[in-house]
PDB file of all heavy atoms in Angstrom:
ATOM      1  N   ALA A   1     -35.142 -55.951 -33.946  1.00  0.00           N
ATOM      2  CA  ALA A   1     -36.551 -55.765 -34.293  1.00  0.00           C
ATOM      3  C   ALA A   1     -36.789 -54.387 -34.935  1.00  0.00           C
ATOM      4  O   ALA A   1     -37.535 -54.245 -35.918  1.00  0.00           O
ATOM      5  CB  ALA A   1     -37.417 -55.884 -33.055  1.00  0.00           C
ATOM      6  N   ALA A   2     -36.087 -53.386 -34.415  1.00  0.00           N
ATOM      7  CA  ALA A   2     -36.243 -52.003 -34.965  1.00  0.00           C
ATOM      8  C   ALA A   2     -35.715 -51.957 -36.416  1.00  0.00           C
ATOM      9  O   ALA A   2     -36.332 -51.356 -37.290  1.00  0.00           O
ATOM     10  CB  ALA A   2     -35.510 -51.023 -34.076  1.00  0.00           C
ATOM     11  N   GLU A   3     -34.551 -52.578 -36.655  1.00  0.00           N
ATOM     12  CA  GLU A   3     -33.992 -52.561 -37.979  1.00  0.00           C
ATOM     13  C   GLU A   3     -34.918 -53.366 -38.946  1.00  0.00           C
ATOM     14  O   GLU A   3     -35.066 -52.969 -40.106  1.00  0.00           O
ATOM     15  CB  GLU A   3     -32.572 -53.169 -37.989  1.00  0.00           C
ATOM     16  CG  GLU A   3     -31.537 -52.310 -37.264  1.00  0.00           C
ATOM     17  CD  GLU A   3     -31.161 -51.044 -38.016  1.00  0.00           C
ATOM     18  OE1 GLU A   3     -31.720 -50.766 -39.090  1.00  0.00           O
ATOM     19  OE2 GLU A   3     -30.271 -50.326 -37.501  1.00  0.00           O
ATOM     20  N   GLY A   4     -35.487 -54.429 -38.442  1.00  0.00           N
ATOM     21  CA  GLY A   4     -36.395 -55.219 -39.246  1.00  0.00           C
ATOM     22  C   GLY A   4     -37.614 -54.475 -39.675  1.00  0.00           C
ATOM     23  O   GLY A   4     -38.191 -54.741 -40.729  1.00  0.00           O
ATOM     24  N   ARG A   5     -38.026 -53.520 -38.856  1.00  0.00           N
ATOM     25  CA  ARG A   5     -39.233 -52.673 -39.197  1.00  0.00           C
ATOM     26  C   ARG A   5     -38.928 -51.638 -40.254  1.00  0.00           C
ATOM     27  O   ARG A   5     -39.828 -51.078 -40.843  1.00  0.00           O
ATOM     28  CB  ARG A   5     -39.767 -51.969 -37.920  1.00  0.00           C
ATOM     29  CG  ARG A   5     -40.481 -52.900 -36.975  1.00  0.00           C
ATOM     30  CD  ARG A   5     -41.305 -52.084 -35.982  1.00  0.00           C
ATOM     31  NE  ARG A   5     -40.482 -51.169 -35.195  1.00  0.00           N
ATOM     32  CZ  ARG A   5     -39.914 -51.497 -34.032  1.00  0.00           C
ATOM     33  NH1 ARG A   5     -40.094 -52.697 -33.536  1.00  0.00           N
ATOM     34  NH2 ARG A   5     -39.171 -50.650 -33.367  1.00  0.00           N
ATOM     35  N   ARG A   6     -37.685 -51.346 -40.451  1.00  0.00           N
ATOM     36  CA  ARG A   6     -37.222 -50.406 -41.503  1.00  0.00           C
ATOM     37  C   ARG A   6     -37.808 -48.988 -41.255  1.00  0.00           C
ATOM     38  O   ARG A   6     -38.758 -48.618 -41.876  1.00  0.00           O
ATOM     39  CB  ARG A   6     -37.541 -50.856 -42.895  1.00  0.00           C
ATOM     40  CG  ARG A   6     -36.944 -52.295 -43.224  1.00  0.00           C
ATOM     41  CD  ARG A   6     -37.206 -52.640 -44.666  1.00  0.00           C
ATOM     42  NE  ARG A   6     -36.338 -51.835 -45.558  1.00  0.00           N
ATOM     43  CZ  ARG A   6     -36.658 -51.537 -46.805  1.00  0.00           C
ATOM     44  NH1 ARG A   6     -37.792 -51.861 -47.310  1.00  0.00           N
ATOM     45  NH2 ARG A   6     -35.810 -50.818 -47.523  1.00  0.00           N
ATOM     46  N   SER A   7     -37.169 -48.287 -40.367  1.00  0.00           N
ATOM     47  CA  SER A   7     -37.547 -46.894 -40.143  1.00  0.00           C
ATOM     48  C   SER A   7     -37.568 -46.113 -41.431  1.00  0.00           C
ATOM     49  O   SER A   7     -36.637 -46.233 -42.247  1.00  0.00           O
ATOM     50  CB  SER A   7     -36.565 -46.250 -39.153  1.00  0.00           C
ATOM     51  OG  SER A   7     -36.667 -44.860 -39.194  1.00  0.00           O
ATOM     52  N   PRO A   8     -38.578 -45.261 -41.664  1.00  0.00           N
ATOM     53  CA  PRO A   8     -38.596 -44.456 -42.887  1.00  0.00           C
ATOM     54  C   PRO A   8     -37.344 -43.579 -43.010  1.00  0.00           C
ATOM     55  O   PRO A   8     -36.856 -43.362 -44.125  1.00  0.00           O
ATOM     56  CB  PRO A   8     -39.860 -43.566 -42.688  1.00  0.00           C
ATOM     57  CG  PRO A   8     -40.740 -44.372 -41.796  1.00  0.00           C
ATOM     58  CD  PRO A   8     -39.817 -45.093 -40.869  1.00  0.00           C
ATOM     59  N   ASP A   9     -36.834 -43.079 -41.862  1.00  0.00           N
ATOM     60  CA  ASP A   9     -35.618 -42.292 -41.917  1.00  0.00           C
ATOM     61  C   ASP A   9     -34.422 -43.118 -42.454  1.00  0.00           C
ATOM     62  O   ASP A   9     -33.634 -42.629 -43.262  1.00  0.00           O
ATOM     63  CB  ASP A   9     -35.255 -41.783 -40.502  1.00  0.00           C
ATOM     64  CG  ASP A   9     -36.260 -40.753 -39.992  1.00  0.00           C
ATOM     65  OD1 ASP A   9     -37.022 -40.210 -40.812  1.00  0.00           O
ATOM     66  OD2 ASP A   9     -36.295 -40.501 -38.781  1.00  0.00           O
ATOM     67  N   LYS A  10     -34.337 -44.370 -41.942  1.00  0.00           N
ATOM     68  CA  LYS A  10     -33.231 -45.218 -42.413  1.00  0.00           C
ATOM     69  C   LYS A  10     -33.372 -45.563 -43.893  1.00  0.00           C
ATOM     70  O   LYS A  10     -32.377 -45.604 -44.650  1.00  0.00           O
ATOM     71  CB  LYS A  10     -33.208 -46.480 -41.566  1.00  0.00           C
ATOM     72  CG  LYS A  10     -32.094 -47.466 -41.890  1.00  0.00           C
ATOM     73  CD  LYS A  10     -30.740 -46.983 -41.348  1.00  0.00           C
ATOM     74  CE  LYS A  10     -29.649 -48.042 -41.470  1.00  0.00           C
ATOM     75  NZ  LYS A  10     -29.816 -49.159 -40.499  1.00  0.00           N
ATOM     76  N   VAL A  11     -34.608 -45.850 -44.294  1.00  0.00           N
ATOM     77  CA  VAL A  11     -34.843 -46.165 -45.742  1.00  0.00           C
ATOM     78  C   VAL A  11     -34.424 -45.027 -46.635  1.00  0.00           C
ATOM     79  O   VAL A  11     -33.720 -45.246 -47.645  1.00  0.00           O
ATOM     80  CB  VAL A  11     -36.367 -46.482 -45.942  1.00  0.00           C
ATOM     81  CG1 VAL A  11     -36.674 -46.625 -47.441  1.00  0.00           C
ATOM     82  CG2 VAL A  11     -36.712 -47.777 -45.216  1.00  0.00           C
ATOM     83  N   GLN A  12     -34.782 -43.821 -46.243  1.00  0.00           N
ATOM     84  CA  GLN A  12     -34.424 -42.670 -47.094  1.00  0.00           C
ATOM     85  C   GLN A  12     -32.897 -42.439 -47.054  1.00  0.00           C
ATOM     86  O   GLN A  12     -32.278 -42.155 -48.091  1.00  0.00           O
ATOM     87  CB  GLN A  12     -35.183 -41.412 -46.664  1.00  0.00           C
ATOM     88  CG  GLN A  12     -34.907 -40.259 -47.595  1.00  0.00           C
ATOM     89  CD  GLN A  12     -35.904 -39.078 -47.356  1.00  0.00           C
ATOM     90  OE1 GLN A  12     -36.779 -39.179 -46.544  1.00  0.00           O
ATOM     91  NE2 GLN A  12     -35.690 -38.007 -48.053  1.00  0.00           N
ATOM     92  N   PHE A  13     -32.322 -42.540 -45.899  1.00  0.00           N
ATOM     93  CA  PHE A  13     -30.884 -42.353 -45.733  1.00  0.00           C
ATOM     94  C   PHE A  13     -30.145 -43.331 -46.639  1.00  0.00           C
ATOM     95  O   PHE A  13     -29.224 -42.914 -47.414  1.00  0.00           O
ATOM     96  CB  PHE A  13     -30.460 -42.542 -44.294  1.00  0.00           C
ATOM     97  CG  PHE A  13     -29.002 -42.344 -44.038  1.00  0.00           C
ATOM     98  CD1 PHE A  13     -28.468 -41.081 -43.782  1.00  0.00           C
ATOM     99  CD2 PHE A  13     -28.107 -43.458 -44.020  1.00  0.00           C
ATOM    100  CE1 PHE A  13     -27.122 -40.919 -43.513  1.00  0.00           C
ATOM    101  CE2 PHE A  13     -26.780 -43.273 -43.786  1.00  0.00           C
ATOM    102  CZ  PHE A  13     -26.282 -42.006 -43.476  1.00  0.00           C
ATOM    103  N   MET A  14     -30.480 -44.633 -46.590  1.00  0.00           N
ATOM    104  CA  MET A  14     -29.792 -45.620 -47.367  1.00  0.00           C
ATOM    105  C   MET A  14     -30.049 -45.446 -48.853  1.00  0.00           C
ATOM    106  O   MET A  14     -29.176 -45.714 -49.667  1.00  0.00           O
ATOM    107  CB  MET A  14     -30.184 -47.006 -46.885  1.00  0.00           C
ATOM    108  CG  MET A  14     -29.614 -47.373 -45.556  1.00  0.00           C
ATOM    109  SD  MET A  14     -27.812 -47.303 -45.559  1.00  0.00           S
ATOM    110  CE  MET A  14     -27.445 -47.837 -43.915  1.00  0.00           C
ATOM    111  N   SER A  15     -31.249 -44.972 -49.204  1.00  0.00           N
ATOM    112  CA  SER A  15     -31.504 -44.703 -50.621  1.00  0.00           C
ATOM    113  C   SER A  15     -30.619 -43.573 -51.140  1.00  0.00           C
ATOM    114  O   SER A  15     -30.078 -43.721 -52.292  1.00  0.00           O
ATOM    115  CB  SER A  15     -32.994 -44.264 -50.744  1.00  0.00           C
ATOM    116  OG  SER A  15     -33.259 -43.936 -52.127  1.00  0.00           O
ATOM    117  N   ILE A  16     -30.362 -42.601 -50.356  1.00  0.00           N
ATOM    118  CA  ILE A  16     -29.472 -41.514 -50.784  1.00  0.00           C
ATOM    119  C   ILE A  16     -28.033 -42.031 -50.874  1.00  0.00           C
ATOM    120  O   ILE A  16     -27.300 -41.664 -51.814  1.00  0.00           O
ATOM    121  CB  ILE A  16     -29.549 -40.315 -49.807  1.00  0.00           C
ATOM    122  CG1 ILE A  16     -30.971 -39.723 -49.813  1.00  0.00           C
ATOM    123  CG2 ILE A  16     -28.520 -39.249 -50.180  1.00  0.00           C
ATOM    124  CD1 ILE A  16     -31.205 -38.697 -48.754  1.00  0.00           C
ATOM    125  N   VAL A  17     -27.659 -42.893 -49.960  1.00  0.00           N
ATOM    126  CA  VAL A  17     -26.312 -43.460 -50.004  1.00  0.00           C
ATOM    127  C   VAL A  17     -26.120 -44.212 -51.356  1.00  0.00           C
ATOM    128  O   VAL A  17     -25.096 -44.037 -52.000  1.00  0.00           O
ATOM    129  CB  VAL A  17     -26.042 -44.434 -48.818  1.00  0.00           C
ATOM    130  CG1 VAL A  17     -24.717 -45.139 -49.002  1.00  0.00           C
ATOM    131  CG2 VAL A  17     -26.045 -43.697 -47.524  1.00  0.00           C
ATOM    132  N   ARG A  18     -27.105 -45.008 -51.715  1.00  0.00           N
ATOM    133  CA  ARG A  18     -26.981 -45.787 -52.947  1.00  0.00           C
ATOM    134  C   ARG A  18     -26.979 -44.932 -54.198  1.00  0.00           C
ATOM    135  O   ARG A  18     -26.269 -45.183 -55.178  1.00  0.00           O
ATOM    136  CB  ARG A  18     -28.096 -46.823 -53.006  1.00  0.00           C
ATOM    137  CG  ARG A  18     -27.916 -48.018 -52.011  1.00  0.00           C
ATOM    138  CD  ARG A  18     -28.959 -49.093 -52.300  1.00  0.00           C
ATOM    139  NE  ARG A  18     -30.276 -48.654 -51.875  1.00  0.00           N
ATOM    140  CZ  ARG A  18     -30.804 -48.855 -50.652  1.00  0.00           C
ATOM    141  NH1 ARG A  18     -30.099 -49.450 -49.725  1.00  0.00           N
ATOM    142  NH2 ARG A  18     -32.029 -48.449 -50.362  1.00  0.00           N
ATOM    143  N   GLN A  19     -27.794 -43.897 -54.153  1.00  0.00           N
ATOM    144  CA  GLN A  19     -27.980 -43.108 -55.377  1.00  0.00           C
ATOM    145  C   GLN A  19     -26.957 -41.953 -55.485  1.00  0.00           C
ATOM    146  O   GLN A  19     -26.518 -41.625 -56.605  1.00  0.00           O
ATOM    147  CB  GLN A  19     -29.399 -42.512 -55.401  1.00  0.00           C
ATOM    148  CG  GLN A  19     -30.477 -43.566 -55.498  1.00  0.00           C
ATOM    149  CD  GLN A  19     -31.883 -42.986 -55.388  1.00  0.00           C
ATOM    150  OE1 GLN A  19     -32.094 -41.782 -55.565  1.00  0.00           O
ATOM    151  NE2 GLN A  19     -32.869 -43.808 -55.118  1.00  0.00           N
ATOM    152  N   GLU A  20     -26.598 -41.347 -54.370  1.00  0.00           N
ATOM    153  CA  GLU A  20     -25.749 -40.153 -54.414  1.00  0.00           C
ATOM    154  C   GLU A  20     -24.473 -40.289 -53.616  1.00  0.00           C
ATOM    155  O   GLU A  20     -23.607 -39.426 -53.741  1.00  0.00           O
ATOM    156  CB  GLU A  20     -26.548 -38.951 -53.918  1.00  0.00           C
ATOM    157  CG  GLU A  20     -27.850 -38.687 -54.660  1.00  0.00           C
ATOM    158  CD  GLU A  20     -28.601 -37.514 -54.023  1.00  0.00           C
ATOM    159  OE1 GLU A  20     -27.969 -36.495 -53.723  1.00  0.00           O
ATOM    160  OE2 GLU A  20     -29.838 -37.635 -53.879  1.00  0.00           O
ATOM    161  N   GLY A  21     -24.357 -41.303 -52.813  1.00  0.00           N
ATOM    162  CA  GLY A  21     -23.124 -41.495 -52.046  1.00  0.00           C
ATOM    163  C   GLY A  21     -23.339 -41.125 -50.572  1.00  0.00           C
ATOM    164  O   GLY A  21     -24.296 -40.457 -50.190  1.00  0.00           O
ATOM    165  N   LEU A  22     -22.386 -41.622 -49.752  1.00  0.00           N
ATOM    166  CA  LEU A  22     -22.500 -41.441 -48.289  1.00  0.00           C
ATOM    167  C   LEU A  22     -22.403 -39.970 -47.899  1.00  0.00           C
ATOM    168  O   LEU A  22     -23.093 -39.513 -47.012  1.00  0.00           O
ATOM    169  CB  LEU A  22     -21.406 -42.236 -47.594  1.00  0.00           C
ATOM    170  CG  LEU A  22     -21.369 -42.185 -46.062  1.00  0.00           C
ATOM    171  CD1 LEU A  22     -22.719 -42.660 -45.478  1.00  0.00           C
ATOM    172  CD2 LEU A  22     -20.241 -43.018 -45.537  1.00  0.00           C
ATOM    173  N   ARG A  23     -21.561 -39.217 -48.571  1.00  0.00           N
ATOM    174  CA  ARG A  23     -21.410 -37.792 -48.211  1.00  0.00           C
ATOM    175  C   ARG A  23     -22.735 -37.078 -48.362  1.00  0.00           C
ATOM    176  O   ARG A  23     -23.122 -36.281 -47.534  1.00  0.00           O
ATOM    177  CB  ARG A  23     -20.353 -37.155 -49.081  1.00  0.00           C
ATOM    178  CG  ARG A  23     -19.958 -35.729 -48.646  1.00  0.00           C
ATOM    179  CD  ARG A  23     -18.904 -35.136 -49.588  1.00  0.00           C
ATOM    180  NE  ARG A  23     -17.676 -35.962 -49.546  1.00  0.00           N
ATOM    181  CZ  ARG A  23     -16.710 -35.738 -48.666  1.00  0.00           C
ATOM    182  NH1 ARG A  23     -16.839 -34.799 -47.738  1.00  0.00           N
ATOM    183  NH2 ARG A  23     -15.640 -36.506 -48.722  1.00  0.00           N
ATOM    184  N   ALA A  24     -23.458 -37.343 -49.460  1.00  0.00           N
ATOM    185  CA  ALA A  24     -24.758 -36.671 -49.689  1.00  0.00           C
ATOM    186  C   ALA A  24     -25.774 -37.152 -48.622  1.00  0.00           C
ATOM    187  O   ALA A  24     -26.583 -36.316 -48.166  1.00  0.00           O
ATOM    188  CB  ALA A  24     -25.282 -37.035 -51.064  1.00  0.00           C
ATOM    189  N   ALA A  25     -25.705 -38.413 -48.239  1.00  0.00           N
ATOM    190  CA  ALA A  25     -26.641 -38.889 -47.200  1.00  0.00           C
ATOM    191  C   ALA A  25     -26.378 -38.238 -45.840  1.00  0.00           C
ATOM    192  O   ALA A  25     -27.305 -37.873 -45.117  1.00  0.00           O
ATOM    193  CB  ALA A  25     -26.557 -40.388 -47.070  1.00  0.00           C
ATOM    194  N   LEU A  26     -25.101 -38.085 -45.546  1.00  0.00           N
ATOM    195  CA  LEU A  26     -24.765 -37.376 -44.272  1.00  0.00           C
ATOM    196  C   LEU A  26     -25.192 -35.948 -44.283  1.00  0.00           C
ATOM    197  O   LEU A  26     -25.649 -35.396 -43.299  1.00  0.00           O
ATOM    198  CB  LEU A  26     -23.251 -37.522 -44.013  1.00  0.00           C
ATOM    199  CG  LEU A  26     -22.753 -38.924 -43.742  1.00  0.00           C
ATOM    200  CD1 LEU A  26     -21.215 -38.938 -43.668  1.00  0.00           C
ATOM    201  CD2 LEU A  26     -23.326 -39.480 -42.426  1.00  0.00           C
ATOM    202  N   ALA A  27     -25.063 -35.288 -45.450  1.00  0.00           N
ATOM    203  CA  ALA A  27     -25.515 -33.928 -45.600  1.00  0.00           C
ATOM    204  C   ALA A  27     -27.030 -33.796 -45.410  1.00  0.00           C
ATOM    205  O   ALA A  27     -27.538 -32.914 -44.741  1.00  0.00           O
ATOM    206  CB  ALA A  27     -25.134 -33.338 -46.933  1.00  0.00           C
ATOM    207  N   TRP A  28     -27.771 -34.797 -45.944  1.00  0.00           N
ATOM    208  CA  TRP A  28     -29.241 -34.834 -45.759  1.00  0.00           C
ATOM    209  C   TRP A  28     -29.542 -35.000 -44.323  1.00  0.00           C
ATOM    210  O   TRP A  28     -30.478 -34.340 -43.792  1.00  0.00           O
ATOM    211  CB  TRP A  28     -29.801 -35.986 -46.568  1.00  0.00           C
ATOM    212  CG  TRP A  28     -31.233 -36.324 -46.247  1.00  0.00           C
ATOM    213  CD1 TRP A  28     -32.343 -35.699 -46.742  1.00  0.00           C
ATOM    214  CD2 TRP A  28     -31.714 -37.334 -45.321  1.00  0.00           C
ATOM    215  NE1 TRP A  28     -33.472 -36.268 -46.214  1.00  0.00           N
ATOM    216  CE2 TRP A  28     -33.115 -37.265 -45.341  1.00  0.00           C
ATOM    217  CE3 TRP A  28     -31.065 -38.253 -44.513  1.00  0.00           C
ATOM    218  CZ2 TRP A  28     -33.888 -38.093 -44.554  1.00  0.00           C
ATOM    219  CZ3 TRP A  28     -31.816 -39.071 -43.714  1.00  0.00           C
ATOM    220  CH2 TRP A  28     -33.237 -39.004 -43.727  1.00  0.00           C
ATOM    221  N   ARG A  29     -28.800 -35.880 -43.628  1.00  0.00           N
ATOM    222  CA  ARG A  29     -29.043 -36.096 -42.218  1.00  0.00           C
ATOM    223  C   ARG A  29     -28.869 -34.803 -41.416  1.00  0.00           C
ATOM    224  O   ARG A  29     -29.704 -34.467 -40.547  1.00  0.00           O
ATOM    225  CB  ARG A  29     -28.066 -37.171 -41.708  1.00  0.00           C
ATOM    226  CG  ARG A  29     -28.254 -37.521 -40.263  1.00  0.00           C
ATOM    227  CD  ARG A  29     -27.080 -38.371 -39.718  1.00  0.00           C
ATOM    228  NE  ARG A  29     -25.880 -37.537 -39.595  1.00  0.00           N
ATOM    229  CZ  ARG A  29     -24.720 -38.043 -39.167  1.00  0.00           C
ATOM    230  NH1 ARG A  29     -24.587 -39.280 -38.891  1.00  0.00           N
ATOM    231  NH2 ARG A  29     -23.662 -37.217 -39.067  1.00  0.00           N
ATOM    232  N   GLU A  30     -27.849 -34.115 -41.691  1.00  0.00           N
ATOM    233  CA  GLU A  30     -27.543 -32.875 -40.922  1.00  0.00           C
ATOM    234  C   GLU A  30     -28.554 -31.775 -41.252  1.00  0.00           C
ATOM    235  O   GLU A  30     -28.902 -30.981 -40.340  1.00  0.00           O
ATOM    236  CB  GLU A  30     -26.130 -32.408 -41.193  1.00  0.00           C
ATOM    237  CG  GLU A  30     -25.032 -33.383 -40.697  1.00  0.00           C
ATOM    238  CD  GLU A  30     -25.271 -33.768 -39.262  1.00  0.00           C
ATOM    239  OE1 GLU A  30     -25.469 -32.890 -38.407  1.00  0.00           O
ATOM    240  OE2 GLU A  30     -25.224 -34.992 -38.979  1.00  0.00           O
TER     241      GLU A  30
END
């Protein structure tokens, strides 16, 4: 249910993964 609601944090994280790569998304997270 939580994943289905699409947390704004998850949406942004995955957007960065797609556009800049996983390393950039992890850096954003940290």
